[in-house]
Protein backbone atom coordinates (compact mmCIF):
# COMPACT_ATOMS: atom_id res chain seq x y z
CA MET A 1 -26.66 -3.43 1.38
CA GLU A 2 -28.83 -5.68 -0.68
CA LEU A 3 -26.13 -8.55 -1.39
CA ALA A 4 -25.27 -8.41 2.39
CA ARG A 5 -28.41 -8.99 3.86
CA ARG A 6 -28.56 -12.60 1.73
CA SER A 7 -24.77 -13.36 2.61
CA PRO A 8 -24.25 -16.17 5.49
CA PHE A 9 -22.16 -13.66 7.32
CA TYR A 10 -24.45 -10.97 7.92
CA ALA A 11 -27.00 -13.33 8.93
CA VAL A 12 -26.34 -13.13 12.81
CA PRO A 13 -28.63 -10.95 15.50
CA ALA A 14 -26.43 -7.72 15.40
CA TRP A 15 -26.67 -7.40 11.72
CA GLN A 16 -30.10 -8.53 10.96
CA GLU A 17 -31.19 -6.07 13.85
CA ALA A 18 -29.27 -3.26 12.15
CA PHE A 19 -30.86 -3.81 9.18
CA ALA A 20 -34.26 -4.13 10.34
CA GLN A 21 -34.23 -0.36 11.65
CA ALA A 22 -35.53 1.98 9.33
CA ALA A 23 -33.50 3.36 6.66
CA PRO A 24 -30.67 2.85 8.70
CA THR A 25 -27.18 4.77 8.53
CA LEU A 26 -23.97 2.81 8.42
CA ALA A 27 -22.94 5.03 11.10
CA GLN A 28 -25.66 2.65 12.95
CA LEU A 29 -24.62 -0.42 11.40
CA PRO A 30 -21.54 -3.06 13.19
CA ARG A 31 -18.34 -3.40 11.88
CA ILE A 32 -16.48 -6.04 10.12
CA THR A 33 -12.99 -6.50 11.37
CA LYS A 34 -10.12 -8.06 9.95
CA SER A 35 -9.76 -11.12 11.69
CA GLN A 36 -13.62 -11.58 11.13
CA LEU A 37 -12.77 -11.21 6.96
CA ARG A 38 -10.29 -13.81 7.39
CA GLU A 39 -12.40 -16.10 9.38
CA HIS A 40 -15.41 -15.98 7.34
CA SER A 41 -14.13 -15.05 3.60
CA PRO A 42 -14.59 -15.97 0.75
CA GLU A 43 -17.85 -18.40 1.19
CA GLY A 44 -19.47 -16.44 4.03
CA PHE A 45 -19.73 -13.23 2.31
CA LEU A 46 -21.30 -14.80 -1.15
CA PRO A 47 -24.58 -14.21 -1.25
CA ALA A 48 -27.57 -16.97 -1.26
CA GLY A 49 -27.39 -19.19 -4.06
CA LEU A 50 -23.76 -19.05 -5.19
CA ASP A 51 -21.15 -21.82 -5.13
CA LEU A 52 -17.57 -20.68 -5.22
CA ARG A 53 -16.52 -24.16 -6.89
CA ALA A 54 -19.05 -23.37 -9.74
CA LEU A 55 -18.35 -19.58 -10.08
CA VAL A 56 -14.01 -21.05 -10.26
CA ALA A 57 -14.96 -23.47 -12.66
CA ALA A 58 -16.93 -21.46 -15.30
CA GLY A 59 -14.33 -18.92 -15.21
CA GLU A 60 -16.27 -16.02 -13.56
CA VAL A 61 -14.72 -15.24 -10.95
CA GLU A 62 -11.12 -15.01 -9.35
CA GLU A 63 -9.69 -16.23 -5.98
CA GLU A 64 -6.72 -14.21 -4.19
CA SER A 65 -4.96 -14.34 -1.03
CA THR A 66 -3.97 -11.02 0.25
CA SER A 67 -0.28 -10.23 1.13
CA GLY A 68 -0.46 -10.27 4.90
CA THR A 69 0.33 -7.04 6.13
CA SER A 70 -1.22 -6.88 9.37
CA GLY A 71 -1.50 -10.19 10.19
CA ALA A 72 -2.35 -13.90 8.16
CA SER A 73 -3.61 -13.53 4.95
CA VAL A 74 -6.86 -13.24 4.13
CA ARG A 75 -8.78 -15.67 0.84
CA VAL A 76 -11.16 -12.70 -1.80
CA VAL A 77 -12.62 -13.17 -4.41
CA PHE A 78 -13.40 -11.04 -7.17
CA GLY A 79 -15.42 -11.47 -10.81
CA ARG A 80 -12.90 -11.41 -13.87
CA THR A 81 -12.53 -8.36 -14.68
CA TRP A 82 -13.55 -6.56 -11.71
CA TRP A 83 -9.84 -5.89 -10.58
CA ALA A 84 -8.80 -4.21 -13.86
CA GLU A 85 -12.42 -1.72 -13.90
CA GLN A 86 -11.66 -0.55 -10.50
CA GLU A 87 -8.30 0.73 -11.01
CA ALA A 88 -8.94 2.32 -13.89
CA ARG A 89 -11.94 4.32 -11.92
CA ALA A 90 -9.34 5.69 -9.18
CA LEU A 91 -6.62 6.46 -11.69
CA ARG A 92 -9.05 8.68 -13.75
CA GLN A 93 -9.50 10.59 -10.39
CA ASN A 94 -5.71 11.69 -10.89
CA PRO A 95 -6.57 14.35 -13.97
CA TYR A 96 -2.91 14.11 -15.18
CA ILE A 97 -3.21 10.32 -15.59
CA ALA A 98 -7.04 10.99 -16.93
CA GLU A 99 -5.57 12.72 -19.82
CA ILE A 100 -2.94 9.92 -20.86
CA LEU A 101 -5.05 7.22 -20.87
CA SER A 102 -7.80 9.02 -22.75
CA HIS A 103 -4.43 9.05 -25.72
CA THR A 104 -3.16 5.95 -24.80
CA PRO A 105 -5.80 3.15 -22.77
CA ASP A 106 -3.41 0.59 -23.17
CA LEU A 107 -0.28 2.65 -21.35
CA ARG A 108 2.67 -0.25 -20.58
CA ARG A 109 3.43 -1.05 -17.20
CA ALA A 110 6.42 -2.27 -15.54
CA VAL A 111 6.09 -3.56 -11.88
CA LEU A 112 8.62 -3.71 -9.34
CA THR A 113 6.91 -5.17 -5.90
CA THR A 114 6.74 -7.28 -3.37
CA PRO A 115 7.33 -10.50 -5.38
CA GLY A 116 4.89 -13.39 -4.29
CA CYS A 117 4.83 -16.85 -6.12
CA SER A 118 1.50 -16.05 -8.67
CA GLY A 119 2.97 -17.43 -11.34
CA VAL A 120 4.04 -14.22 -13.04
CA SER A 121 6.09 -13.28 -10.50
CA CYS A 122 8.44 -15.67 -7.70
CA TYR A 123 11.64 -15.03 -5.48
CA ASN A 124 11.68 -18.64 -4.82
CA ARG A 125 12.64 -19.86 -8.35
CA TRP A 126 13.45 -18.11 -11.62
CA LEU A 127 10.80 -17.20 -14.05
CA SER A 128 11.20 -16.29 -17.33
CA ARG A 129 10.21 -12.88 -19.17
CA ASP A 130 8.06 -14.75 -21.36
CA GLN A 131 6.19 -16.11 -17.83
CA ARG A 132 6.23 -12.39 -15.95
CA THR A 133 4.65 -10.36 -18.96
CA LEU A 134 0.59 -10.51 -18.28
CA GLY A 135 -0.64 -8.35 -20.97
CA THR A 136 0.61 -4.64 -20.91
CA SER A 137 2.72 -6.22 -17.77
CA LEU A 138 5.58 -6.97 -17.35
CA PHE A 139 6.91 -8.12 -13.56
CA VAL A 140 10.63 -6.95 -13.40
CA ASN A 141 11.91 -8.06 -9.96
CA GLN A 142 11.83 -11.45 -8.49
CA ALA A 143 13.92 -10.51 -5.29
CA ARG A 144 12.08 -10.57 -1.48
CA ILE A 145 15.03 -7.77 -0.61
CA PRO A 146 16.15 -5.18 -2.73
CA PHE A 147 19.16 -4.46 -0.93
CA THR A 148 20.77 -7.69 -1.32
CA LEU A 149 20.65 -7.13 -5.05
CA GLY A 150 24.08 -7.49 -7.06
CA ASP A 151 24.89 -5.29 -9.79
CA GLU A 152 24.35 -8.16 -12.46
CA LYS A 153 20.74 -8.61 -11.14
CA SER A 154 19.98 -4.84 -11.40
CA ALA A 155 21.61 -4.48 -14.78
CA ALA A 156 19.50 -7.16 -16.10
CA MET A 157 16.07 -5.59 -14.50
CA ALA A 158 17.04 -2.04 -16.17
CA ALA A 159 17.90 -3.74 -19.32
CA GLU A 160 14.55 -5.50 -19.37
CA VAL A 161 12.79 -2.00 -18.05
CA ALA A 162 14.82 -0.39 -21.26
CA GLU A 163 13.54 -2.71 -23.82
CA TRP A 164 9.54 -2.67 -22.64
CA ALA A 165 9.43 0.79 -22.79
CA PRO A 166 6.63 1.32 -20.21
CA GLY A 167 4.33 4.49 -19.77
CA PHE A 168 4.56 4.16 -15.84
CA LEU A 169 6.36 2.01 -13.21
CA ASP A 170 4.02 0.40 -10.90
CA VAL A 171 6.19 0.47 -7.50
CA ASP A 172 6.22 -0.71 -4.00
CA PRO A 173 8.54 2.45 -2.69
CA VAL A 174 11.16 0.78 -1.20
CA HIS A 175 11.68 -1.56 -4.36
CA GLY A 176 11.24 1.56 -6.55
CA ALA A 177 13.71 3.75 -4.64
CA TRP A 178 16.52 1.21 -4.98
CA PHE A 179 15.91 0.43 -8.23
CA ALA A 180 16.24 4.29 -9.01
CA LEU A 181 19.24 4.31 -6.97
CA TYR A 182 20.86 1.80 -9.30
CA CYS A 183 19.59 4.03 -12.43
CA GLU A 184 20.80 7.18 -11.06
CA ARG A 185 24.61 5.30 -10.40
CA GLN A 186 24.53 4.36 -13.67
CA GLY A 187 23.12 7.38 -15.21
CA LEU A 188 20.27 5.52 -16.92
CA ARG A 189 17.00 7.19 -17.80
CA PHE A 190 13.63 5.67 -19.22
CA PRO A 191 12.59 8.27 -22.11
CA SER A 192 8.92 6.18 -22.19
CA LEU A 193 8.27 7.32 -18.46
CA ARG A 194 5.68 9.15 -17.75
CA PHE A 195 4.71 8.81 -14.32
CA ILE A 196 5.23 6.30 -11.50
CA LEU A 197 2.23 4.71 -9.33
CA SER A 198 3.75 3.96 -5.75
CA SER A 199 1.54 1.67 -4.03
CA TYR A 200 1.86 -1.58 -1.81
CA GLU A 201 2.90 0.05 1.25
CA PHE A 202 3.46 3.57 2.77
CA THR A 203 5.49 5.58 0.23
CA SER A 204 8.18 7.73 2.74
CA CYS A 205 9.31 11.28 1.28
CA ARG A 206 12.50 9.88 0.94
CA HIS A 207 10.96 7.20 -1.38
CA ARG A 208 9.36 9.95 -3.50
CA ALA A 209 12.49 12.43 -3.14
CA VAL A 210 14.64 9.99 -5.10
CA MET A 211 12.52 8.27 -7.50
CA GLU A 212 11.27 12.05 -8.87
CA ARG A 213 14.86 13.38 -8.84
CA VAL A 214 16.30 10.06 -11.04
CA PHE A 215 13.39 9.46 -13.03
CA GLY A 216 12.09 13.36 -13.64
CA VAL A 217 8.51 12.30 -13.21
CA PRO A 218 6.24 12.72 -10.65
CA VAL A 219 5.10 9.80 -8.34
CA ILE A 220 1.32 9.33 -7.43
CA ASP A 221 0.36 7.54 -4.63
CA LEU A 222 -2.55 4.88 -4.93
CA TYR A 223 -4.23 3.27 -1.89
CA GLY A 224 -6.02 0.12 -1.04
CA SER A 225 -5.97 -3.33 -0.72
CA SER A 226 -6.81 -6.61 -2.48
CA GLU A 227 -10.29 -6.91 -0.49
CA THR A 228 -11.55 -3.56 -1.03
CA GLY A 229 -10.07 -2.13 -4.50
CA HIS A 230 -8.25 1.09 -5.19
CA LEU A 231 -10.24 3.80 -2.86
CA LEU A 232 -7.67 6.30 -3.03
CA ILE A 233 -5.39 8.43 -5.41
CA GLU A 234 -3.11 11.38 -5.04
CA ALA A 235 -4.09 14.04 -6.86
CA GLY A 236 -3.37 18.10 -6.34
CA GLY A 237 -1.51 16.93 -2.68
CA LEU A 238 -4.29 14.88 -1.52
CA MET A 239 -5.32 11.75 -1.35
CA ARG A 240 -9.25 11.88 -4.16
CA PRO A 241 -11.64 8.97 -3.30
CA SER A 242 -12.54 6.60 -6.11
CA PRO A 243 -16.79 7.15 -4.82
CA GLU A 244 -18.05 4.46 -7.34
CA THR A 245 -15.72 1.99 -5.33
CA ALA A 246 -16.53 2.21 -2.16
CA LEU A 247 -17.74 4.80 0.95
CA LEU A 248 -15.26 6.13 3.00
CA GLU A 249 -15.78 6.98 6.70
CA ILE A 250 -13.55 7.89 9.74
CA ALA A 251 -14.04 6.70 12.86
CA GLY A 252 -12.96 7.46 16.37
CA ALA A 253 -11.11 10.39 15.08
CA ASP A 254 -8.33 12.32 17.51
CA ASP A 255 -8.12 15.90 18.43
CA ALA A 256 -5.84 16.23 15.03
CA GLY A 257 -8.68 14.73 12.95
CA VAL A 258 -6.68 11.20 12.57
CA GLY A 259 -9.36 8.29 12.81
CA GLU A 260 -9.62 4.73 11.54
CA LEU A 261 -10.79 4.20 8.29
CA LEU A 262 -13.79 2.17 7.41
CA VAL A 263 -14.55 0.96 4.12
CA THR A 264 -18.03 0.09 2.68
CA THR A 265 -17.18 -1.58 -0.83
CA LEU A 266 -19.82 -1.01 -3.59
CA THR A 267 -19.27 -2.76 -6.77
CA ASN A 268 -17.69 -6.77 -5.65
CA PRO A 269 -21.18 -8.44 -5.33
CA TYR A 270 -18.77 -11.54 -4.36
CA LEU A 271 -17.55 -9.73 -1.17
CA PRO A 272 -20.17 -7.25 0.32
CA LEU A 273 -18.30 -5.42 2.68
CA ILE A 274 -20.10 -2.98 5.45
CA ARG A 275 -17.97 -0.66 7.28
CA TYR A 276 -14.59 -2.71 6.95
CA GLU A 277 -11.57 -1.89 9.34
CA ILE A 278 -8.94 -1.92 6.69
CA GLY A 279 -6.47 -1.22 9.40
CA ASP A 280 -5.27 2.39 8.48
CA PHE A 281 -5.41 5.80 9.75
CA VAL A 282 -6.40 8.86 7.62
CA GLU A 283 -7.65 12.42 8.39
CA ALA A 284 -10.22 14.27 6.40
CA ARG A 285 -8.77 16.83 4.42
CA GLU A 286 -11.07 19.89 2.15
CA GLY A 287 -11.37 17.56 -1.19
CA GLY A 288 -9.83 14.06 0.33
CA PHE A 289 -7.83 12.59 2.63
CA ARG A 290 -4.13 12.25 4.17
CA VAL A 291 -3.04 8.91 4.42
CA HIS A 292 -1.42 8.38 7.60
CA GLY A 293 -0.19 4.83 8.01
CA ARG A 294 -0.94 1.23 9.23
CA ARG A 295 -3.10 1.27 12.93
CA ARG A 296 -0.60 -1.21 14.29
CA ASP A 297 2.32 0.74 13.46
CA ALA A 298 1.59 3.78 15.14
CA LEU A 299 3.95 5.20 17.87
CA ARG A 300 2.89 6.66 21.01
CA GLY A 301 3.80 10.40 22.18
CA PRO A 302 3.84 12.58 25.61
CA GLY A 303 0.89 11.41 27.42
CA GLY A 304 0.14 8.45 25.18
CA ARG A 305 -0.82 10.58 22.14
CA LEU A 306 -0.84 8.96 18.70
CA VAL A 307 2.11 9.33 16.88
CA THR A 308 1.48 7.82 12.89
CA THR A 309 3.79 6.87 10.18
CA TRP A 310 3.20 9.91 8.07
CA GLN A 311 3.68 12.55 11.02
CA VAL A 312 7.18 10.47 11.67
CA ASP A 313 7.84 11.07 8.16
CA GLN A 314 7.13 13.98 7.62
CA LEU A 315 10.86 15.33 9.90
CA PHE A 316 12.25 13.34 7.12
CA LYS A 317 11.89 16.00 4.61
CA ARG A 318 14.35 18.02 6.05
CA VAL A 319 17.57 15.57 5.49
CA ALA A 320 18.90 14.02 2.78
CA GLY A 321 20.92 11.14 1.83
CA ILE A 322 18.73 8.65 3.27
CA ALA A 323 17.39 5.63 1.08
CA HIS A 324 14.93 3.79 3.50
CA TYR A 325 14.65 4.06 7.34
CA GLN A 326 13.20 1.98 10.64
CA LEU A 327 11.81 3.35 13.65
CA ARG A 328 11.47 1.01 16.41
CA GLN A 329 9.84 2.04 19.80
CA ALA A 330 10.65 0.07 22.87
CA GLU A 331 7.47 -0.24 25.19
CA ASP A 332 9.07 2.38 27.53
CA GLY A 333 8.65 4.75 24.98
CA THR A 334 12.13 4.90 23.66
CA ALA A 335 12.94 4.28 20.27
CA HIS A 336 15.81 3.49 17.86
CA LEU A 337 16.43 4.88 14.24
CA ARG A 338 17.76 2.93 11.25
CA LEU A 339 19.14 4.69 8.57
CA LEU A 340 20.25 2.89 5.27
CA PRO A 341 22.26 5.32 3.20
CA GLU A 342 21.61 5.83 -0.58
CA THR A 343 25.13 5.52 -0.75
CA PRO A 344 26.58 2.28 0.45
CA GLY A 345 29.03 3.17 3.55
CA GLU A 346 27.88 6.62 4.23
CA GLU A 347 27.85 6.97 7.88
CA LEU A 348 25.02 10.09 7.60
CA ARG A 349 26.14 11.33 10.93
CA ALA A 350 24.67 14.80 9.92
CA ALA A 351 20.72 13.59 9.58
CA GLY A 352 21.02 11.13 12.24
CA HIS A 353 22.24 13.59 14.94
CA GLU A 354 19.24 16.07 13.19
CA LEU A 355 16.86 12.98 13.32
CA VAL A 356 17.78 11.93 17.00
CA ALA A 357 16.41 15.91 18.20
CA SER A 358 13.51 15.81 16.10
CA LEU A 359 12.24 12.50 16.78
CA GLY A 360 12.72 12.79 20.49
CA SER A 361 10.97 15.80 20.74
CA LEU A 362 8.10 14.19 18.53
CA LEU A 363 8.28 11.03 21.08
CA GLY A 364 9.22 13.01 24.08
CA ARG A 365 12.02 10.06 24.59
CA SER A 366 15.37 9.26 23.96
CA VAL A 367 16.13 8.41 20.59
CA THR A 368 19.45 6.46 19.29
CA VAL A 369 20.57 5.88 16.18
CA GLU A 370 22.89 3.78 13.64
CA THR A 371 23.53 3.63 9.91
CA VAL A 372 22.92 0.25 8.50
CA ASP A 373 23.18 -1.83 5.27
CA LEU A 374 20.14 -3.66 5.22
CA ILE A 375 16.81 -3.42 6.75
CA THR A 376 14.71 -6.72 6.04
CA PRO A 377 10.86 -6.89 5.54
CA GLU A 378 8.20 -8.42 7.70
CA ASP A 379 6.75 -12.50 5.93
CA SER A 380 4.66 -10.52 4.16
CA GLY A 381 7.67 -9.12 2.01
CA LYS A 382 6.60 -5.46 3.15
CA PHE A 383 8.58 -3.35 4.86
CA ARG A 384 7.83 -1.08 8.21
CA LEU A 385 8.73 2.36 8.70
CA THR A 386 7.51 3.03 11.89
CA LEU A 387 6.67 0.03 14.14
CA ARG A 388 6.28 -0.90 18.20
CA GLU A 389 7.90 -3.57 20.07
CA SER A 390 4.61 -4.57 21.33
CA ALA A 391 3.11 -4.49 18.28
């Protein structure tokens, strides 16, 4: 909190009055919205006496832009070693990964995620393998939409992964699942794999089922953001916090215990955030959390009841053959479901019939369904499993 007191953003009366209280609790402090972060970051959050240009020139900080999942991207700044350090802290919260890394700290990874023009992965121009290698990480895919990849490009990706022999895959779940299906059709396995980290967006039970079936290793969720670092990692069926990185609160919980996640960062002195509205719904569980998905992706059920992406996704555990999906709810509450099959051309009639009934019951309105061969991402490159047309 001391760093925040020295930052221009917190110099306004609302924050100064809150700081002036005797030993204020987090709940007594204002919140930071994503729009405020977008407007004032990074300069507004730099403590007094620090100059961004000088820090960049000296190589002390890195500046990045977020993917813009919930709107326009945000500029963020962190120390040169901070990202790797906070990731390592999060990974150690999973005992299985911690044991592996204790013996092999420099475990190789192959990254299959939404590519951006960051110098190591770009879907607008071809980059060589050397250009896509950064330390122990190989950035494999260069396509924004995995479903449009032909066999030639998929084969080249698989060959690179096999030659790299990674200890784990670091995937966006949509890209990871589609790559897994190609490998399954070709009978490919990677003996070096120990686990799969799934992050960047919500991991559906269908994505998880595909990757675990094909590669035979556990899929482990990792949750966070560019502006906060990694906050939660899956362990023992729950998402467990990384307490050295941030303090987590749940605000406005409903009768089911689902509320909005607020984040107070602890380790990035260049972007001190207090009660930041990260934009996700979570639920407190004994010993951890359950992530319910983006606030903007939540649907509405009978009586205006909140229906989260996680609640929708639970219904997909009962069906098979689905690689990916999108459920779009209209303003009148009705919804349309698009299913993308694991096997191209499969109609998924039985699965569609079951989901129409179960989703209709959840939403309290009629649901229609179709099988498609393409679902496109948002401008950010990320996919939305659920969305309301007004959101």
